[in-house]
Amino acid sequence: MKPLQLSPETTIKLSQKLNVPIEQLMHMPQHILIQKLMELENEKK
């Protein structure tokens, strides 16, 4: 599986929001990352 195609700025912001180390974020499967982002969105509401 190839790493996610994210810009450095996006990677840093995501790692801070999700409280995940950048290395771990880069190797995270895309569907899990999307799931975590959806959870973040739901928490905002």
Protein backbone atom coordinates (compact mmCIF):
# COMPACT_ATOMS: atom_id res chain seq x y z
CA MET A 1 0.00 0.00 0.00
CA LYS A 2 1.43 3.36 -0.94
CA PRO A 3 1.60 6.27 1.53
CA LEU A 4 -1.13 8.89 1.47
CA GLN A 5 -0.64 11.71 -0.99
CA LEU A 6 -0.86 14.67 1.37
CA SER A 7 0.94 17.96 1.42
CA PRO A 8 3.28 18.54 4.38
CA GLU A 9 0.99 21.27 5.73
CA THR A 10 -2.04 19.01 5.59
CA THR A 11 -0.16 16.17 7.24
CA ILE A 12 0.94 18.39 10.14
CA LYS A 13 -2.56 19.78 10.67
CA LEU A 14 -4.12 16.33 10.58
CA SER A 15 -1.60 14.87 12.99
CA GLN A 16 -2.32 17.68 15.44
CA LYS A 17 -6.10 17.37 15.11
CA LEU A 18 -6.08 13.58 15.44
CA ASN A 19 -3.31 13.50 18.05
CA VAL A 20 -1.40 11.00 15.92
CA PRO A 21 2.34 11.10 15.17
CA ILE A 22 3.08 12.16 11.58
CA GLU A 23 4.81 8.85 10.76
CA GLN A 24 1.78 6.92 11.91
CA LEU A 25 -0.53 9.19 9.93
CA MET A 26 1.45 8.64 6.72
CA HIS A 27 1.08 4.86 7.02
CA MET A 28 -2.53 4.88 8.10
CA PRO A 29 -4.92 3.23 5.62
CA GLN A 30 -6.99 5.84 3.83
CA HIS A 31 -10.35 4.44 4.94
CA ILE A 32 -9.29 4.67 8.60
CA LEU A 33 -8.12 8.24 8.13
CA ILE A 34 -11.42 9.18 6.51
CA GLN A 35 -13.30 7.49 9.35
CA LYS A 36 -11.33 9.51 11.92
CA LEU A 37 -12.02 12.73 10.02
CA MET A 38 -15.73 11.91 9.97
CA GLU A 39 -15.65 11.37 13.73
CA LEU A 40 -14.00 14.76 14.17
CA GLU A 41 -16.70 16.40 12.07
CA ASN A 42 -19.43 14.73 14.09
CA GLU A 43 -17.89 15.94 17.35
CA LYS A 44 -18.03 19.55 16.15
CA LYS A 45 -21.80 19.45 15.71
